[in-house]
Amino acid sequence: MPVLSQAYLDFFEELALNNNREWFTANKKRYEKDVKEPFIKLVEAIVGSLHDSEPDLSLIPAKQMLFRINRDIRFSKDKRPYKEHLSASITRFGTKDKIYPGHYFQVGAHESFLAGGAYWFEEKEMLLRVRRYILDNHDRFLSLINDPVFVKHWDSIKGEKNKRLSPEFTDFVDSQPLIANTQYYWVANIDPKMALQDNFVDILRGHFEAAQPLNQFLIEAMYW
């Protein structure tokens, strides 16, 4: 049996047409039963499936990996109060640490995707550590980004780039353009209906296991 049901996607279909507090309040019980509770069970299933390769994921409850459905609209022109999906950060720190490299996925009625890596760096020094680590371990980095298992599951590494680099990297950028990145992340778009399949946990596990060696590389660069 799939963890998520059509009722999950139906909720977000309707929320997209009624994204206001009155509608959400009237459908709060439905949200808890058809959306939030099944999604937490899905996260638990994913963490369990990754236990052998990433036992640290079990250090925190699945609920702490779940992002809130409420949008932060304080500085946004878009005043819709709710996200039209649920999402989770599958790392040893969950949503408490948005910098630590790990896995991410979101499922909504109109947009669903998987992702991983390091989306942003809190300090410039941390980005410099990654660049220096790539420079010092280039053969290993190449083997990771070109690994057939990674390439099968993910697009190439994405991220914005600096137009200018410090002298220690300028001679290297031609041979490895990724050294100029200010982000190191990867994305795989999926059909929302895929989340209703019996094998969705297996699909997620396949993608996340394929990306774990690159996540580990980034973790070493940033924290070791």
C-alpha atoms as a PDB file:
ATOM      1  CA  MET A   1       0.000   0.000   0.000  1.00  0.00           C
ATOM      2  CA  PRO A   2       1.307   3.514  -0.801  1.00  0.00           C
ATOM      3  CA  VAL A   3       1.889   5.850   2.148  1.00  0.00           C
ATOM      4  CA  LEU A   4       0.283   8.852   0.434  1.00  0.00           C
ATOM      5  CA  SER A   5      -3.168   8.678  -1.142  1.00  0.00           C
ATOM      6  CA  GLN A   6      -5.114  10.598  -3.758  1.00  0.00           C
ATOM      7  CA  ALA A   7      -6.684  12.497  -0.857  1.00  0.00           C
ATOM      8  CA  TYR A   8      -3.247  14.032  -0.240  1.00  0.00           C
ATOM      9  CA  LEU A   9      -3.027  15.468  -3.744  1.00  0.00           C
ATOM     10  CA  ASP A  10      -6.703  16.466  -3.732  1.00  0.00           C
ATOM     11  CA  PHE A  11      -6.104  18.595  -0.643  1.00  0.00           C
ATOM     12  CA  PHE A  12      -3.378  20.571  -2.380  1.00  0.00           C
ATOM     13  CA  GLU A  13      -5.424  20.888  -5.566  1.00  0.00           C
ATOM     14  CA  GLU A  14      -8.154  22.570  -3.547  1.00  0.00           C
ATOM     15  CA  LEU A  15      -5.746  24.594  -1.440  1.00  0.00           C
ATOM     16  CA  ALA A  16      -4.294  26.104  -4.609  1.00  0.00           C
ATOM     17  CA  LEU A  17      -7.766  27.471  -5.380  1.00  0.00           C
ATOM     18  CA  ASN A  18      -8.515  28.523  -1.783  1.00  0.00           C
ATOM     19  CA  ASN A  19      -5.212  29.594  -0.272  1.00  0.00           C
ATOM     20  CA  ASN A  20      -6.591  31.534   2.676  1.00  0.00           C
ATOM     21  CA  ARG A  21      -6.879  31.007   6.418  1.00  0.00           C
ATOM     22  CA  GLU A  22     -10.648  30.591   6.397  1.00  0.00           C
ATOM     23  CA  TRP A  23     -10.531  27.628   4.018  1.00  0.00           C
ATOM     24  CA  PHE A  24      -7.549  26.055   5.748  1.00  0.00           C
ATOM     25  CA  THR A  25      -9.154  26.355   9.181  1.00  0.00           C
ATOM     26  CA  ALA A  26     -12.334  24.711   7.889  1.00  0.00           C
ATOM     27  CA  ASN A  27     -10.237  21.863   6.455  1.00  0.00           C
ATOM     28  CA  LYS A  28      -7.723  21.528   9.300  1.00  0.00           C
ATOM     29  CA  LYS A  29      -8.856  18.046  10.361  1.00  0.00           C
ATOM     30  CA  ARG A  30      -8.636  16.912   6.777  1.00  0.00           C
ATOM     31  CA  TYR A  31      -5.109  18.329   6.561  1.00  0.00           C
ATOM     32  CA  GLU A  32      -4.025  16.445   9.682  1.00  0.00           C
ATOM     33  CA  LYS A  33      -5.573  13.131   8.597  1.00  0.00           C
ATOM     34  CA  ASP A  34      -4.937  13.054   4.845  1.00  0.00           C
ATOM     35  CA  VAL A  35      -1.786  15.146   4.532  1.00  0.00           C
ATOM     36  CA  LYS A  36       0.414  15.715   7.570  1.00  0.00           C
ATOM     37  CA  GLU A  37       0.115  12.326   9.288  1.00  0.00           C
ATOM     38  CA  PRO A  38       0.726  10.292   6.092  1.00  0.00           C
ATOM     39  CA  PHE A  39       3.642  12.544   5.150  1.00  0.00           C
ATOM     40  CA  ILE A  40       5.310  11.985   8.529  1.00  0.00           C
ATOM     41  CA  LYS A  41       4.851   8.238   8.057  1.00  0.00           C
ATOM     42  CA  LEU A  42       6.468   8.586   4.637  1.00  0.00           C
ATOM     43  CA  VAL A  43       9.469  10.362   6.170  1.00  0.00           C
ATOM     44  CA  GLU A  44       9.724   7.629   8.813  1.00  0.00           C
ATOM     45  CA  ALA A  45       9.687   4.993   6.080  1.00  0.00           C
ATOM     46  CA  ILE A  46      12.430   6.774   4.145  1.00  0.00           C
ATOM     47  CA  VAL A  47      14.631   7.155   7.215  1.00  0.00           C
ATOM     48  CA  GLY A  48      14.126   3.478   8.011  1.00  0.00           C
ATOM     49  CA  SER A  49      15.045   2.458   4.473  1.00  0.00           C
ATOM     50  CA  LEU A  50      18.303   4.452   4.692  1.00  0.00           C
ATOM     51  CA  HIS A  51      19.305   3.174   8.125  1.00  0.00           C
ATOM     52  CA  ASP A  52      22.079   0.878   6.924  1.00  0.00           C
ATOM     53  CA  SER A  53      23.833   3.606   4.922  1.00  0.00           C
ATOM     54  CA  GLU A  54      22.931   6.636   7.083  1.00  0.00           C
ATOM     55  CA  PRO A  55      22.163   5.531  10.660  1.00  0.00           C
ATOM     56  CA  ASP A  56      22.552   9.124  11.920  1.00  0.00           C
ATOM     57  CA  LEU A  57      19.209   9.990  10.326  1.00  0.00           C
ATOM     58  CA  SER A  58      17.492   8.107  13.141  1.00  0.00           C
ATOM     59  CA  LEU A  59      18.882  10.497  15.759  1.00  0.00           C
ATOM     60  CA  ILE A  60      15.892  12.846  15.529  1.00  0.00           C
ATOM     61  CA  PRO A  61      12.131  12.275  15.179  1.00  0.00           C
ATOM     62  CA  ALA A  62      10.698  12.420  11.664  1.00  0.00           C
ATOM     63  CA  LYS A  63       8.532  15.368  12.734  1.00  0.00           C
ATOM     64  CA  GLN A  64      11.676  17.488  13.065  1.00  0.00           C
ATOM     65  CA  MET A  65      12.466  16.871   9.400  1.00  0.00           C
ATOM     66  CA  LEU A  66       9.119  18.270   8.282  1.00  0.00           C
ATOM     67  CA  PHE A  67       8.899  21.879   7.108  1.00  0.00           C
ATOM     68  CA  ARG A  68       5.883  23.874   8.243  1.00  0.00           C
ATOM     69  CA  ILE A  69       3.115  24.389   5.719  1.00  0.00           C
ATOM     70  CA  ASN A  70       2.834  28.045   6.732  1.00  0.00           C
ATOM     71  CA  ARG A  71       4.670  30.460   4.451  1.00  0.00           C
ATOM     72  CA  ASP A  72       6.814  33.288   5.794  1.00  0.00           C
ATOM     73  CA  ILE A  73       5.108  36.240   4.136  1.00  0.00           C
ATOM     74  CA  ARG A  74       6.694  39.040   6.152  1.00  0.00           C
ATOM     75  CA  PHE A  75       8.987  40.212   3.352  1.00  0.00           C
ATOM     76  CA  SER A  76       7.221  38.656   0.378  1.00  0.00           C
ATOM     77  CA  LYS A  77       4.927  40.232  -2.192  1.00  0.00           C
ATOM     78  CA  ASP A  78       3.174  36.865  -2.414  1.00  0.00           C
ATOM     79  CA  LYS A  79       0.812  36.908   0.549  1.00  0.00           C
ATOM     80  CA  ARG A  80      -0.591  33.399   0.207  1.00  0.00           C
ATOM     81  CA  PRO A  81      -0.403  32.058   3.778  1.00  0.00           C
ATOM     82  CA  TYR A  82       0.280  28.396   2.945  1.00  0.00           C
ATOM     83  CA  LYS A  83       2.703  26.405   0.848  1.00  0.00           C
ATOM     84  CA  GLU A  84       0.988  24.206  -1.699  1.00  0.00           C
ATOM     85  CA  HIS A  85       3.104  21.181  -0.834  1.00  0.00           C
ATOM     86  CA  LEU A  86       4.741  19.476   2.120  1.00  0.00           C
ATOM     87  CA  SER A  87       8.496  19.018   2.236  1.00  0.00           C
ATOM     88  CA  ALA A  88      11.174  17.467   4.398  1.00  0.00           C
ATOM     89  CA  SER A  89      14.890  17.819   5.052  1.00  0.00           C
ATOM     90  CA  ILE A  90      16.310  14.329   5.457  1.00  0.00           C
ATOM     91  CA  THR A  91      19.471  15.043   7.460  1.00  0.00           C
ATOM     92  CA  ARG A  92      20.713  14.312  10.960  1.00  0.00           C
ATOM     93  CA  PHE A  93      19.571  17.823  11.994  1.00  0.00           C
ATOM     94  CA  GLY A  94      16.308  18.037  10.066  1.00  0.00           C
ATOM     95  CA  THR A  95      14.923  21.526   9.514  1.00  0.00           C
ATOM     96  CA  LYS A  96      16.953  22.983  12.403  1.00  0.00           C
ATOM     97  CA  ASP A  97      20.043  23.205  10.185  1.00  0.00           C
ATOM     98  CA  LYS A  98      19.317  24.271   6.614  1.00  0.00           C
ATOM     99  CA  ILE A  99      23.012  24.341   5.669  1.00  0.00           C
ATOM    100  CA  TYR A 100      24.092  20.794   6.492  1.00  0.00           C
ATOM    101  CA  PRO A 101      24.273  18.752   3.241  1.00  0.00           C
ATOM    102  CA  GLY A 102      21.605  16.102   2.913  1.00  0.00           C
ATOM    103  CA  HIS A 103      18.441  15.073   1.111  1.00  0.00           C
ATOM    104  CA  TYR A 104      15.259  17.044   0.424  1.00  0.00           C
ATOM    105  CA  PHE A 105      11.947  16.236  -1.180  1.00  0.00           C
ATOM    106  CA  GLN A 106       8.585  17.890  -1.595  1.00  0.00           C
ATOM    107  CA  VAL A 107       5.260  16.612  -2.832  1.00  0.00           C
ATOM    108  CA  GLY A 108       2.445  18.833  -4.026  1.00  0.00           C
ATOM    109  CA  ALA A 109      -0.315  18.531  -6.582  1.00  0.00           C
ATOM    110  CA  HIS A 110       1.452  20.726  -9.141  1.00  0.00           C
ATOM    111  CA  GLU A 111       5.148  20.543  -8.311  1.00  0.00           C
ATOM    112  CA  SER A 112       7.097  17.676  -6.796  1.00  0.00           C
ATOM    113  CA  PHE A 113      10.824  17.103  -6.808  1.00  0.00           C
ATOM    114  CA  LEU A 114      13.788  15.583  -4.992  1.00  0.00           C
ATOM    115  CA  ALA A 115      17.012  17.412  -4.235  1.00  0.00           C
ATOM    116  CA  GLY A 116      20.216  17.236  -2.291  1.00  0.00           C
ATOM    117  CA  GLY A 117      23.569  18.834  -1.572  1.00  0.00           C
ATOM    118  CA  ALA A 118      24.392  22.247  -0.137  1.00  0.00           C
ATOM    119  CA  TYR A 119      21.967  24.943  -1.260  1.00  0.00           C
ATOM    120  CA  TRP A 120      23.580  27.857   0.554  1.00  0.00           C
ATOM    121  CA  PHE A 121      26.464  28.682   2.846  1.00  0.00           C
ATOM    122  CA  GLU A 122      26.063  30.792   5.950  1.00  0.00           C
ATOM    123  CA  GLU A 123      29.674  31.957   5.916  1.00  0.00           C
ATOM    124  CA  LYS A 124      32.035  32.785   3.065  1.00  0.00           C
ATOM    125  CA  GLU A 125      34.731  30.729   4.782  1.00  0.00           C
ATOM    126  CA  MET A 126      32.591  27.591   4.508  1.00  0.00           C
ATOM    127  CA  LEU A 127      32.289  28.049   0.729  1.00  0.00           C
ATOM    128  CA  LEU A 128      36.055  28.548   0.519  1.00  0.00           C
ATOM    129  CA  ARG A 129      36.540  25.257   2.367  1.00  0.00           C
ATOM    130  CA  VAL A 130      34.470  23.458  -0.251  1.00  0.00           C
ATOM    131  CA  ARG A 131      36.391  25.038  -3.111  1.00  0.00           C
ATOM    132  CA  ARG A 132      39.735  24.166  -1.540  1.00  0.00           C
ATOM    133  CA  TYR A 133      38.560  20.631  -0.855  1.00  0.00           C
ATOM    134  CA  ILE A 134      37.586  20.218  -4.512  1.00  0.00           C
ATOM    135  CA  LEU A 135      40.962  21.629  -5.532  1.00  0.00           C
ATOM    136  CA  ASP A 136      42.869  19.260  -3.224  1.00  0.00           C
ATOM    137  CA  ASN A 137      40.695  16.215  -3.994  1.00  0.00           C
ATOM    138  CA  HIS A 138      39.845  16.778  -7.624  1.00  0.00           C
ATOM    139  CA  ASP A 139      40.190  13.188  -8.806  1.00  0.00           C
ATOM    140  CA  ARG A 140      37.804  11.999  -6.120  1.00  0.00           C
ATOM    141  CA  PHE A 141      35.376  14.824  -6.896  1.00  0.00           C
ATOM    142  CA  LEU A 142      35.394  13.920 -10.588  1.00  0.00           C
ATOM    143  CA  SER A 143      34.730  10.273  -9.819  1.00  0.00           C
ATOM    144  CA  LEU A 144      31.749  11.240  -7.642  1.00  0.00           C
ATOM    145  CA  ILE A 145      30.045  13.623 -10.067  1.00  0.00           C
ATOM    146  CA  ASN A 146      30.624  11.237 -12.984  1.00  0.00           C
ATOM    147  CA  ASP A 147      29.639   8.082 -11.139  1.00  0.00           C
ATOM    148  CA  PRO A 148      27.107   6.206 -13.321  1.00  0.00           C
ATOM    149  CA  VAL A 149      24.781   5.626 -10.359  1.00  0.00           C
ATOM    150  CA  PHE A 150      24.701   9.350  -9.548  1.00  0.00           C
ATOM    151  CA  VAL A 151      24.259  10.348 -13.196  1.00  0.00           C
ATOM    152  CA  LYS A 152      21.406   7.867 -13.590  1.00  0.00           C
ATOM    153  CA  HIS A 153      19.397   9.481 -10.775  1.00  0.00           C
ATOM    154  CA  TRP A 154      20.329  13.177 -10.926  1.00  0.00           C
ATOM    155  CA  ASP A 155      21.010  16.046 -13.271  1.00  0.00           C
ATOM    156  CA  SER A 156      24.425  17.667 -13.087  1.00  0.00           C
ATOM    157  CA  ILE A 157      25.353  19.733 -10.053  1.00  0.00           C
ATOM    158  CA  LYS A 158      23.570  23.083 -10.104  1.00  0.00           C
ATOM    159  CA  GLY A 159      24.223  26.420  -8.447  1.00  0.00           C
ATOM    160  CA  GLU A 160      24.917  30.091  -9.024  1.00  0.00           C
ATOM    161  CA  LYS A 161      28.504  31.088  -9.773  1.00  0.00           C
ATOM    162  CA  ASN A 162      30.895  33.879  -8.873  1.00  0.00           C
ATOM    163  CA  LYS A 163      32.098  35.808 -11.911  1.00  0.00           C
ATOM    164  CA  ARG A 164      35.335  36.618 -10.124  1.00  0.00           C
ATOM    165  CA  LEU A 165      37.412  34.243  -8.037  1.00  0.00           C
ATOM    166  CA  SER A 166      40.365  34.680  -5.729  1.00  0.00           C
ATOM    167  CA  PRO A 167      43.765  33.974  -7.347  1.00  0.00           C
ATOM    168  CA  GLU A 168      44.079  30.520  -5.776  1.00  0.00           C
ATOM    169  CA  PHE A 169      41.166  29.296  -7.946  1.00  0.00           C
ATOM    170  CA  THR A 170      41.479  31.259 -11.206  1.00  0.00           C
ATOM    171  CA  ASP A 171      43.952  28.862 -12.820  1.00  0.00           C
ATOM    172  CA  PHE A 172      41.734  25.920 -11.947  1.00  0.00           C
ATOM    173  CA  VAL A 173      38.358  27.171 -13.156  1.00  0.00           C
ATOM    174  CA  ASP A 174      38.926  26.205 -16.804  1.00  0.00           C
ATOM    175  CA  SER A 175      39.526  22.564 -15.903  1.00  0.00           C
ATOM    176  CA  GLN A 176      36.793  22.506 -13.245  1.00  0.00           C
ATOM    177  CA  PRO A 177      34.080  25.177 -13.742  1.00  0.00           C
ATOM    178  CA  LEU A 178      32.215  23.983 -10.632  1.00  0.00           C
ATOM    179  CA  ILE A 179      34.925  25.586  -8.512  1.00  0.00           C
ATOM    180  CA  ALA A 180      33.165  28.913  -9.210  1.00  0.00           C
ATOM    181  CA  ASN A 181      29.834  27.708  -7.790  1.00  0.00           C
ATOM    182  CA  THR A 182      28.338  29.435  -4.776  1.00  0.00           C
ATOM    183  CA  GLN A 183      25.933  26.481  -4.380  1.00  0.00           C
ATOM    184  CA  TYR A 184      26.339  22.729  -4.860  1.00  0.00           C
ATOM    185  CA  TYR A 185      23.001  21.010  -5.242  1.00  0.00           C
ATOM    186  CA  TRP A 186      21.170  18.590  -7.517  1.00  0.00           C
ATOM    187  CA  VAL A 187      17.499  18.168  -8.461  1.00  0.00           C
ATOM    188  CA  ALA A 188      15.240  15.494  -9.922  1.00  0.00           C
ATOM    189  CA  ASN A 189      11.708  16.504 -10.887  1.00  0.00           C
ATOM    190  CA  ILE A 190       9.017  13.867 -10.469  1.00  0.00           C
ATOM    191  CA  ASP A 191       5.378  13.481 -11.435  1.00  0.00           C
ATOM    192  CA  PRO A 192       3.240  14.049  -8.303  1.00  0.00           C
ATOM    193  CA  LYS A 193       1.386  10.824  -9.112  1.00  0.00           C
ATOM    194  CA  MET A 194       4.640   8.955  -8.522  1.00  0.00           C
ATOM    195  CA  ALA A 195       4.254   9.692  -4.810  1.00  0.00           C
ATOM    196  CA  LEU A 196       1.135   7.504  -4.786  1.00  0.00           C
ATOM    197  CA  GLN A 197       2.962   4.442  -6.079  1.00  0.00           C
ATOM    198  CA  ASP A 198       3.665   1.458  -3.866  1.00  0.00           C
ATOM    199  CA  ASN A 199       7.386   1.738  -4.589  1.00  0.00           C
ATOM    200  CA  PHE A 200       7.786   5.464  -3.868  1.00  0.00           C
ATOM    201  CA  VAL A 201       9.964   4.830  -0.808  1.00  0.00           C
ATOM    202  CA  ASP A 202      12.207   2.628  -2.954  1.00  0.00           C
ATOM    203  CA  ILE A 203      12.424   5.389  -5.575  1.00  0.00           C
ATOM    204  CA  LEU A 204      13.471   7.897  -2.934  1.00  0.00           C
ATOM    205  CA  ARG A 205      15.980   5.512  -1.427  1.00  0.00           C
ATOM    206  CA  GLY A 206      17.567   4.914  -4.835  1.00  0.00           C
ATOM    207  CA  HIS A 207      18.027   8.634  -5.437  1.00  0.00           C
ATOM    208  CA  PHE A 208      19.253   9.421  -1.946  1.00  0.00           C
ATOM    209  CA  GLU A 209      21.723   6.521  -1.789  1.00  0.00           C
ATOM    210  CA  ALA A 210      23.121   7.604  -5.158  1.00  0.00           C
ATOM    211  CA  ALA A 211      23.729  11.105  -3.784  1.00  0.00           C
ATOM    212  CA  GLN A 212      25.106  10.186  -0.367  1.00  0.00           C
ATOM    213  CA  PRO A 213      28.788   9.947  -1.435  1.00  0.00           C
ATOM    214  CA  LEU A 214      28.623  13.522  -2.776  1.00  0.00           C
ATOM    215  CA  ASN A 215      26.863  14.703   0.368  1.00  0.00           C
ATOM    216  CA  GLN A 216      29.620  13.077   2.389  1.00  0.00           C
ATOM    217  CA  PHE A 217      32.246  14.877   0.307  1.00  0.00           C
ATOM    218  CA  LEU A 218      30.580  18.224   1.048  1.00  0.00           C
ATOM    219  CA  ILE A 219      30.222  17.404   4.750  1.00  0.00           C
ATOM    220  CA  GLU A 220      33.934  16.620   4.962  1.00  0.00           C
ATOM    221  CA  ALA A 221      34.776  19.853   3.177  1.00  0.00           C
ATOM    222  CA  MET A 222      32.540  22.019   5.343  1.00  0.00           C
ATOM    223  CA  TYR A 223      32.986  20.514   8.802  1.00  0.00           C
ATOM    224  CA  TRP A 224      36.043  18.297   9.070  1.00  0.00           C
END
